[in-house]
Amino acid sequence: TGLGDSAVVLNGRVWIDPAETGAG
């Protein structure tokens, strides 16, 4: 998702059921 000044940025994405699992 991005090419920074010193790094290639990969955006890790996962999906959860908020009624069963906490995002934090």
PDB file of all heavy atoms in Angstrom:
ATOM      1  N   THR A   1       0.806  -1.227   0.000  1.00  0.00           N
ATOM      2  CA  THR A   1       0.000   0.000   0.000  1.00  0.00           C
ATOM      3  C   THR A   1       0.835   1.272   0.000  1.00  0.00           C
ATOM      4  O   THR A   1       0.274   2.364  -0.027  1.00  0.00           O
ATOM      5  CB  THR A   1      -0.928   0.019   1.229  1.00  0.00           C
ATOM      6  OG1 THR A   1      -0.145  -0.111   2.420  1.00  0.00           O
ATOM      7  CG2 THR A   1      -1.940  -1.122   1.163  1.00  0.00           C
ATOM      8  N   GLY A   2       2.164   1.144   0.028  1.00  0.00           N
ATOM      9  CA  GLY A   2       2.970   2.353   0.028  1.00  0.00           C
ATOM     10  C   GLY A   2       4.447   2.061  -0.108  1.00  0.00           C
ATOM     11  O   GLY A   2       4.925   0.966   0.225  1.00  0.00           O
ATOM     12  N   LEU A   3       5.150   3.051  -0.635  1.00  0.00           N
ATOM     13  CA  LEU A   3       6.610   3.007  -0.738  1.00  0.00           C
ATOM     14  C   LEU A   3       7.141   4.183   0.069  1.00  0.00           C
ATOM     15  O   LEU A   3       7.116   5.326  -0.385  1.00  0.00           O
ATOM     16  CB  LEU A   3       7.057   3.088  -2.201  1.00  0.00           C
ATOM     17  CG  LEU A   3       6.556   1.965  -3.129  1.00  0.00           C
ATOM     18  CD1 LEU A   3       6.965   2.244  -4.566  1.00  0.00           C
ATOM     19  CD2 LEU A   3       7.093   0.618  -2.664  1.00  0.00           C
ATOM     20  N   GLY A   4       7.603   3.893   1.291  1.00  0.00           N
ATOM     21  CA  GLY A   4       8.065   4.947   2.167  1.00  0.00           C
ATOM     22  C   GLY A   4       9.492   5.357   1.882  1.00  0.00           C
ATOM     23  O   GLY A   4      10.139   4.870   0.934  1.00  0.00           O
ATOM     24  N   ASP A   5      10.020   6.270   2.701  1.00  0.00           N
ATOM     25  CA  ASP A   5      11.386   6.740   2.523  1.00  0.00           C
ATOM     26  C   ASP A   5      12.400   5.627   2.733  1.00  0.00           C
ATOM     27  O   ASP A   5      13.464   5.625   2.110  1.00  0.00           O
ATOM     28  CB  ASP A   5      11.676   7.885   3.505  1.00  0.00           C
ATOM     29  CG  ASP A   5      10.834   9.118   3.190  1.00  0.00           C
ATOM     30  OD1 ASP A   5      10.425   9.264   2.014  1.00  0.00           O
ATOM     31  OD2 ASP A   5      10.587   9.904   4.109  1.00  0.00           O
ATOM     32  N   SER A   6      12.079   4.682   3.607  1.00  0.00           N
ATOM     33  CA  SER A   6      13.047   3.632   3.916  1.00  0.00           C
ATOM     34  C   SER A   6      12.419   2.254   3.952  1.00  0.00           C
ATOM     35  O   SER A   6      13.074   1.299   4.363  1.00  0.00           O
ATOM     36  CB  SER A   6      13.700   3.912   5.277  1.00  0.00           C
ATOM     37  OG  SER A   6      12.721   3.994   6.294  1.00  0.00           O
ATOM     38  N   ALA A   7      11.153   2.111   3.546  1.00  0.00           N
ATOM     39  CA  ALA A   7      10.503   0.810   3.652  1.00  0.00           C
ATOM     40  C   ALA A   7       9.408   0.647   2.616  1.00  0.00           C
ATOM     41  O   ALA A   7       8.795   1.619   2.173  1.00  0.00           O
ATOM     42  CB  ALA A   7       9.920   0.631   5.049  1.00  0.00           C
ATOM     43  N   VAL A   8       9.184  -0.619   2.238  1.00  0.00           N
ATOM     44  CA  VAL A   8       8.017  -1.003   1.455  1.00  0.00           C
ATOM     45  C   VAL A   8       6.923  -1.395   2.441  1.00  0.00           C
ATOM     46  O   VAL A   8       7.146  -2.208   3.344  1.00  0.00           O
ATOM     47  CB  VAL A   8       8.343  -2.182   0.520  1.00  0.00           C
ATOM     48  CG1 VAL A   8       7.097  -2.595  -0.267  1.00  0.00           C
ATOM     49  CG2 VAL A   8       9.475  -1.819  -0.433  1.00  0.00           C
ATOM     50  N   VAL A   9       5.741  -0.816   2.305  1.00  0.00           N
ATOM     51  CA  VAL A   9       4.674  -0.999   3.289  1.00  0.00           C
ATOM     52  C   VAL A   9       3.672  -2.022   2.794  1.00  0.00           C
ATOM     53  O   VAL A   9       3.085  -1.876   1.712  1.00  0.00           O
ATOM     54  CB  VAL A   9       3.956   0.333   3.578  1.00  0.00           C
ATOM     55  CG1 VAL A   9       2.853   0.123   4.612  1.00  0.00           C
ATOM     56  CG2 VAL A   9       4.948   1.374   4.066  1.00  0.00           C
ATOM     57  N   LEU A  10       3.479  -3.083   3.596  1.00  0.00           N
ATOM     58  CA  LEU A  10       2.444  -4.074   3.346  1.00  0.00           C
ATOM     59  C   LEU A  10       1.368  -3.917   4.419  1.00  0.00           C
ATOM     60  O   LEU A  10       1.679  -3.888   5.612  1.00  0.00           O
ATOM     61  CB  LEU A  10       2.997  -5.503   3.388  1.00  0.00           C
ATOM     62  CG  LEU A  10       3.837  -5.963   2.181  1.00  0.00           C
ATOM     63  CD1 LEU A  10       5.266  -5.463   2.308  1.00  0.00           C
ATOM     64  CD2 LEU A  10       3.828  -7.486   2.076  1.00  0.00           C
ATOM     65  N   ASN A  11       0.131  -3.803   3.983  1.00  0.00           N
ATOM     66  CA  ASN A  11      -0.976  -3.613   4.914  1.00  0.00           C
ATOM     67  C   ASN A  11      -1.614  -4.973   5.233  1.00  0.00           C
ATOM     68  O   ASN A  11      -2.333  -5.547   4.415  1.00  0.00           O
ATOM     69  CB  ASN A  11      -2.020  -2.675   4.310  1.00  0.00           C
ATOM     70  CG  ASN A  11      -3.158  -2.379   5.261  1.00  0.00           C
ATOM     71  OD1 ASN A  11      -4.304  -2.728   5.009  1.00  0.00           O
ATOM     72  ND2 ASN A  11      -2.866  -1.724   6.363  1.00  0.00           N
ATOM     73  N   GLY A  12      -1.314  -5.500   6.444  1.00  0.00           N
ATOM     74  CA  GLY A  12      -1.913  -6.760   6.856  1.00  0.00           C
ATOM     75  C   GLY A  12      -3.377  -6.569   7.183  1.00  0.00           C
ATOM     76  O   GLY A  12      -3.731  -5.702   7.981  1.00  0.00           O
ATOM     77  N   ARG A  13      -4.253  -7.376   6.585  1.00  0.00           N
ATOM     78  CA  ARG A  13      -5.693  -7.226   6.760  1.00  0.00           C
ATOM     79  C   ARG A  13      -6.316  -8.559   7.138  1.00  0.00           C
ATOM     80  O   ARG A  13      -6.128  -9.562   6.440  1.00  0.00           O
ATOM     81  CB  ARG A  13      -6.338  -6.704   5.474  1.00  0.00           C
ATOM     82  CG  ARG A  13      -5.779  -5.371   5.000  1.00  0.00           C
ATOM     83  CD  ARG A  13      -6.345  -4.988   3.643  1.00  0.00           C
ATOM     84  NE  ARG A  13      -5.829  -3.700   3.195  1.00  0.00           N
ATOM     85  CZ  ARG A  13      -6.105  -3.142   2.007  1.00  0.00           C
ATOM     86  NH1 ARG A  13      -6.896  -3.797   1.164  1.00  0.00           N
ATOM     87  NH2 ARG A  13      -5.587  -1.973   1.680  1.00  0.00           N
ATOM     88  N   VAL A  14      -7.058  -8.559   8.246  1.00  0.00           N
ATOM     89  CA  VAL A  14      -7.804  -9.742   8.665  1.00  0.00           C
ATOM     90  C   VAL A  14      -9.220  -9.326   9.028  1.00  0.00           C
ATOM     91  O   VAL A  14      -9.482  -8.157   9.335  1.00  0.00           O
ATOM     92  CB  VAL A  14      -7.125 -10.447   9.867  1.00  0.00           C
ATOM     93  CG1 VAL A  14      -5.717 -10.914   9.497  1.00  0.00           C
ATOM     94  CG2 VAL A  14      -7.061  -9.520  11.084  1.00  0.00           C
ATOM     95  N   TRP A  15     -10.128 -10.297   8.997  1.00  0.00           N
ATOM     96  CA  TRP A  15     -11.526 -10.044   9.321  1.00  0.00           C
ATOM     97  C   TRP A  15     -11.922 -10.862  10.541  1.00  0.00           C
ATOM     98  O   TRP A  15     -11.495 -12.007  10.704  1.00  0.00           O
ATOM     99  CB  TRP A  15     -12.431 -10.396   8.140  1.00  0.00           C
ATOM    100  CG  TRP A  15     -12.249  -9.497   6.965  1.00  0.00           C
ATOM    101  CD1 TRP A  15     -11.305  -9.602   5.983  1.00  0.00           C
ATOM    102  CD2 TRP A  15     -13.003  -8.341   6.655  1.00  0.00           C
ATOM    103  NE1 TRP A  15     -11.433  -8.577   5.079  1.00  0.00           N
ATOM    104  CE2 TRP A  15     -12.479  -7.789   5.462  1.00  0.00           C
ATOM    105  CE3 TRP A  15     -14.091  -7.709   7.253  1.00  0.00           C
ATOM    106  CZ2 TRP A  15     -13.007  -6.648   4.872  1.00  0.00           C
ATOM    107  CZ3 TRP A  15     -14.618  -6.576   6.666  1.00  0.00           C
ATOM    108  CH2 TRP A  15     -14.074  -6.050   5.479  1.00  0.00           C
ATOM    109  N   ILE A  16     -12.752 -10.266  11.389  1.00  0.00           N
ATOM    110  CA  ILE A  16     -13.220 -10.936  12.597  1.00  0.00           C
ATOM    111  C   ILE A  16     -14.723 -10.740  12.743  1.00  0.00           C
ATOM    112  O   ILE A  16     -15.321  -9.883  12.082  1.00  0.00           O
ATOM    113  CB  ILE A  16     -12.511 -10.392  13.858  1.00  0.00           C
ATOM    114  CG1 ILE A  16     -12.850  -8.904  14.061  1.00  0.00           C
ATOM    115  CG2 ILE A  16     -11.006 -10.618  13.802  1.00  0.00           C
ATOM    116  CD1 ILE A  16     -12.376  -8.334  15.392  1.00  0.00           C
ATOM    117  N   ASP A  17     -15.319 -11.542  13.619  1.00  0.00           N
ATOM    118  CA  ASP A  17     -16.701 -11.335  14.036  1.00  0.00           C
ATOM    119  C   ASP A  17     -16.651 -10.529  15.325  1.00  0.00           C
ATOM    120  O   ASP A  17     -16.266 -11.048  16.373  1.00  0.00           O
ATOM    121  CB  ASP A  17     -17.385 -12.679  14.272  1.00  0.00           C
ATOM    122  CG  ASP A  17     -18.842 -12.525  14.713  1.00  0.00           C
ATOM    123  OD1 ASP A  17     -19.289 -11.382  14.934  1.00  0.00           O
ATOM    124  OD2 ASP A  17     -19.530 -13.554  14.849  1.00  0.00           O
ATOM    125  N   PRO A  18     -17.028  -9.226  15.299  1.00  0.00           N
ATOM    126  CA  PRO A  18     -16.866  -8.379  16.493  1.00  0.00           C
ATOM    127  C   PRO A  18     -17.704  -8.830  17.688  1.00  0.00           C
ATOM    128  O   PRO A  18     -17.408  -8.470  18.821  1.00  0.00           O
ATOM    129  CB  PRO A  18     -17.292  -6.998  15.999  1.00  0.00           C
ATOM    130  CG  PRO A  18     -18.183  -7.250  14.827  1.00  0.00           C
ATOM    131  CD  PRO A  18     -17.653  -8.494  14.184  1.00  0.00           C
ATOM    132  N   ALA A  19     -18.753  -9.617  17.431  1.00  0.00           N
ATOM    133  CA  ALA A  19     -19.562 -10.110  18.532  1.00  0.00           C
ATOM    134  C   ALA A  19     -18.864 -11.230  19.297  1.00  0.00           C
ATOM    135  O   ALA A  19     -19.202 -11.515  20.449  1.00  0.00           O
ATOM    136  CB  ALA A  19     -20.905 -10.606  18.016  1.00  0.00           C
ATOM    137  N   GLU A  20     -17.874 -11.874  18.648  1.00  0.00           N
ATOM    138  CA  GLU A  20     -17.180 -13.002  19.260  1.00  0.00           C
ATOM    139  C   GLU A  20     -15.730 -12.699  19.620  1.00  0.00           C
ATOM    140  O   GLU A  20     -15.178 -13.287  20.556  1.00  0.00           O
ATOM    141  CB  GLU A  20     -17.211 -14.212  18.305  1.00  0.00           C
ATOM    142  CG  GLU A  20     -18.601 -14.664  17.906  1.00  0.00           C
ATOM    143  CD  GLU A  20     -19.361 -15.279  19.069  1.00  0.00           C
ATOM    144  OE1 GLU A  20     -18.693 -15.732  20.014  1.00  0.00           O
ATOM    145  OE2 GLU A  20     -20.606 -15.309  19.034  1.00  0.00           O
ATOM    146  N   THR A  21     -15.089 -11.790  18.880  1.00  0.00           N
ATOM    147  CA  THR A  21     -13.643 -11.564  19.021  1.00  0.00           C
ATOM    148  C   THR A  21     -13.350 -10.083  19.138  1.00  0.00           C
ATOM    149  O   THR A  21     -13.936  -9.264  18.411  1.00  0.00           O
ATOM    150  CB  THR A  21     -12.890 -12.138  17.805  1.00  0.00           C
ATOM    151  OG1 THR A  21     -13.288 -13.501  17.609  1.00  0.00           O
ATOM    152  CG2 THR A  21     -11.386 -12.075  18.016  1.00  0.00           C
ATOM    153  N   GLY A  22     -12.420  -9.731  20.038  1.00  0.00           N
ATOM    154  CA  GLY A  22     -12.011  -8.344  20.192  1.00  0.00           C
ATOM    155  C   GLY A  22     -10.959  -7.950  19.169  1.00  0.00           C
ATOM    156  O   GLY A  22      -9.996  -8.692  18.925  1.00  0.00           O
ATOM    157  N   ALA A  23     -11.130  -6.754  18.587  1.00  0.00           N
ATOM    158  CA  ALA A  23     -10.188  -6.298  17.552  1.00  0.00           C
ATOM    159  C   ALA A  23      -8.812  -6.016  18.131  1.00  0.00           C
ATOM    160  O   ALA A  23      -7.792  -6.292  17.496  1.00  0.00           O
ATOM    161  CB  ALA A  23     -10.735  -5.051  16.862  1.00  0.00           C
ATOM    162  N   GLY A  24      -8.761  -5.445  19.333  1.00  0.00           N
ATOM    163  CA  GLY A  24      -7.470  -5.101  19.926  1.00  0.00           C
ATOM    164  C   GLY A  24      -6.591  -6.314  20.155  1.00  0.00           C
ATOM    165  O   GLY A  24      -5.386  -6.303  19.843  1.00  0.00           O
TER     166      GLY A  24
END
